[in-house]
């Protein structure tokens, strides 16, 4: 899989002609990212229902 990056010069307020414009990073992926045979459940990240999952909490 490859990822191509570019810059997009976009308005900060779409529809307002004189609104300031900023550059935003834009990414586009090409190719495949196959899931493992176990359906993607590799045990990394996500919630397991433990009350300690929420760092704000």
N, C-alpha and C. Protein backbone atom coordinates (compact mmCIF):
# COMPACT_ATOMS: atom_id res chain seq x y z
N UNK A 1 0.85 -1.17 0.00
CA UNK A 1 0.00 0.00 0.00
C UNK A 1 0.89 1.23 0.00
N UNK A 2 0.48 2.24 -0.70
CA UNK A 2 1.22 3.50 -0.70
C UNK A 2 0.28 4.63 -0.31
N UNK A 3 0.86 5.67 0.25
CA UNK A 3 0.09 6.84 0.64
C UNK A 3 0.72 8.05 -0.04
N UNK A 4 -0.10 8.81 -0.75
CA UNK A 4 0.35 10.03 -1.40
C UNK A 4 -0.16 11.22 -0.61
N UNK A 5 0.72 12.19 -0.39
CA UNK A 5 0.37 13.39 0.36
C UNK A 5 0.43 14.60 -0.57
N UNK A 6 -0.47 15.54 -0.35
CA UNK A 6 -0.44 16.79 -1.08
C UNK A 6 -1.01 17.88 -0.19
N UNK A 7 -0.96 19.12 -0.66
CA UNK A 7 -1.53 20.25 0.07
C UNK A 7 -2.74 20.77 -0.67
N UNK A 8 -3.76 21.12 0.08
CA UNK A 8 -4.97 21.71 -0.49
C UNK A 8 -5.12 23.12 0.08
N UNK A 9 -5.30 24.11 -0.79
CA UNK A 9 -5.48 25.50 -0.37
C UNK A 9 -6.98 25.73 -0.27
N UNK A 10 -7.51 25.76 0.96
CA UNK A 10 -8.95 25.78 1.16
C UNK A 10 -9.38 26.95 2.04
N UNK A 11 -10.59 27.40 1.81
CA UNK A 11 -11.17 28.48 2.59
C UNK A 11 -11.45 28.02 4.02
N UNK A 12 -11.28 28.93 4.97
CA UNK A 12 -11.61 28.61 6.35
C UNK A 12 -13.11 28.72 6.59
N UNK A 13 -13.82 29.37 5.67
CA UNK A 13 -15.28 29.51 5.75
C UNK A 13 -15.86 29.29 4.35
N UNK A 14 -16.17 28.04 4.01
CA UNK A 14 -16.71 27.77 2.67
C UNK A 14 -17.94 28.62 2.37
N UNK A 15 -17.99 29.17 1.17
CA UNK A 15 -19.11 30.00 0.76
C UNK A 15 -18.88 31.48 0.98
N UNK A 16 -17.88 31.83 1.79
CA UNK A 16 -17.55 33.24 2.03
C UNK A 16 -16.34 33.56 1.17
N UNK A 17 -16.57 34.39 0.14
CA UNK A 17 -15.53 34.61 -0.87
C UNK A 17 -14.24 35.22 -0.33
N UNK A 18 -14.34 36.16 0.61
CA UNK A 18 -13.13 36.84 1.11
C UNK A 18 -12.59 36.24 2.41
N UNK A 19 -13.06 35.04 2.77
CA UNK A 19 -12.55 34.38 3.99
C UNK A 19 -11.10 33.97 3.78
N UNK A 20 -10.31 34.00 4.83
CA UNK A 20 -8.91 33.59 4.68
C UNK A 20 -8.80 32.13 4.26
N UNK A 21 -7.74 31.83 3.52
CA UNK A 21 -7.50 30.48 3.06
C UNK A 21 -6.25 29.93 3.73
N UNK A 22 -6.30 28.66 4.07
CA UNK A 22 -5.16 27.99 4.70
C UNK A 22 -4.81 26.75 3.89
N UNK A 23 -3.59 26.27 4.09
CA UNK A 23 -3.16 25.02 3.46
C UNK A 23 -3.43 23.86 4.41
N UNK A 24 -4.04 22.83 3.89
CA UNK A 24 -4.35 21.63 4.67
C UNK A 24 -3.66 20.43 4.03
N UNK A 25 -3.16 19.53 4.85
CA UNK A 25 -2.56 18.30 4.33
C UNK A 25 -3.67 17.37 3.87
N UNK A 26 -3.43 16.73 2.74
CA UNK A 26 -4.40 15.80 2.17
C UNK A 26 -3.67 14.50 1.88
N UNK A 27 -4.24 13.38 2.29
CA UNK A 27 -3.62 12.08 2.06
C UNK A 27 -4.57 11.19 1.27
N UNK A 28 -4.00 10.38 0.37
CA UNK A 28 -4.79 9.42 -0.39
C UNK A 28 -4.03 8.11 -0.41
N UNK A 29 -4.71 7.04 -0.03
CA UNK A 29 -4.08 5.71 0.00
C UNK A 29 -4.41 4.96 -1.29
N UNK A 30 -3.45 4.17 -1.74
CA UNK A 30 -3.65 3.34 -2.92
C UNK A 30 -3.16 1.93 -2.60
N UNK A 31 -3.88 0.94 -3.06
CA UNK A 31 -3.48 -0.44 -2.83
C UNK A 31 -4.38 -1.12 -1.83
N UNK A 32 -3.88 -2.17 -1.23
CA UNK A 32 -4.66 -2.97 -0.30
C UNK A 32 -4.04 -2.97 1.09
N UNK A 33 -4.88 -3.12 2.08
CA UNK A 33 -4.44 -3.32 3.45
C UNK A 33 -5.23 -4.51 3.99
N UNK A 34 -4.80 -5.74 3.67
CA UNK A 34 -5.59 -6.92 4.05
C UNK A 34 -5.65 -7.11 5.56
N UNK A 35 -6.78 -7.62 6.00
CA UNK A 35 -6.96 -7.92 7.42
C UNK A 35 -6.34 -9.28 7.71
N UNK A 36 -5.84 -9.47 8.94
CA UNK A 36 -5.33 -10.79 9.32
C UNK A 36 -6.45 -11.83 9.33
N UNK A 37 -6.09 -13.09 9.35
CA UNK A 37 -7.07 -14.17 9.30
C UNK A 37 -8.05 -14.16 10.47
N UNK A 38 -7.67 -13.53 11.58
CA UNK A 38 -8.57 -13.52 12.74
C UNK A 38 -9.57 -12.36 12.67
N UNK A 39 -9.72 -11.75 11.50
CA UNK A 39 -10.71 -10.69 11.33
C UNK A 39 -10.24 -9.35 11.86
N UNK A 40 -8.98 -9.20 12.16
CA UNK A 40 -8.46 -7.93 12.62
C UNK A 40 -8.36 -7.82 14.13
N UNK A 41 -8.80 -8.83 14.87
CA UNK A 41 -8.75 -8.78 16.32
C UNK A 41 -7.37 -9.25 16.78
N UNK A 42 -6.42 -8.35 16.73
CA UNK A 42 -5.05 -8.71 17.10
C UNK A 42 -4.73 -8.32 18.54
N UNK A 43 -5.70 -7.78 19.25
CA UNK A 43 -5.48 -7.45 20.65
C UNK A 43 -4.84 -6.09 20.87
N UNK A 44 -4.59 -5.34 19.84
CA UNK A 44 -3.96 -4.04 20.02
C UNK A 44 -4.98 -2.93 20.06
N UNK A 45 -4.95 -2.11 21.10
CA UNK A 45 -5.84 -0.95 21.20
C UNK A 45 -7.28 -1.35 21.44
N UNK A 46 -8.13 -0.35 21.44
CA UNK A 46 -9.56 -0.60 21.62
C UNK A 46 -9.93 -0.82 23.07
N UNK A 47 -11.20 -0.96 23.29
CA UNK A 47 -11.72 -1.12 24.63
C UNK A 47 -12.01 -2.57 24.94
N UNK A 48 -11.63 -3.00 26.13
CA UNK A 48 -11.96 -4.35 26.56
C UNK A 48 -12.98 -4.30 27.72
N UNK A 49 -13.58 -3.12 27.90
CA UNK A 49 -14.59 -2.99 28.95
C UNK A 49 -14.01 -2.64 30.30
N UNK A 50 -12.73 -2.48 30.39
CA UNK A 50 -12.06 -2.13 31.64
C UNK A 50 -12.31 -0.65 31.96
N UNK A 51 -12.59 -0.35 33.21
CA UNK A 51 -12.86 1.03 33.59
C UNK A 51 -11.63 1.94 33.40
N UNK A 52 -10.44 1.35 33.23
CA UNK A 52 -9.24 2.15 33.05
C UNK A 52 -8.99 2.52 31.58
N UNK A 53 -9.91 2.15 30.68
CA UNK A 53 -9.73 2.47 29.27
C UNK A 53 -9.84 3.96 29.00
N UNK A 54 -10.58 4.69 29.81
CA UNK A 54 -10.79 6.12 29.56
C UNK A 54 -9.74 6.91 30.35
N UNK A 55 -8.76 7.52 29.65
CA UNK A 55 -7.73 8.25 30.37
C UNK A 55 -8.25 9.52 31.05
N UNK A 56 -9.45 9.97 30.67
CA UNK A 56 -10.01 11.17 31.27
C UNK A 56 -10.88 10.85 32.48
N UNK A 57 -11.13 9.56 32.66
CA UNK A 57 -12.05 9.19 33.56
C UNK A 57 -12.31 8.82 34.83
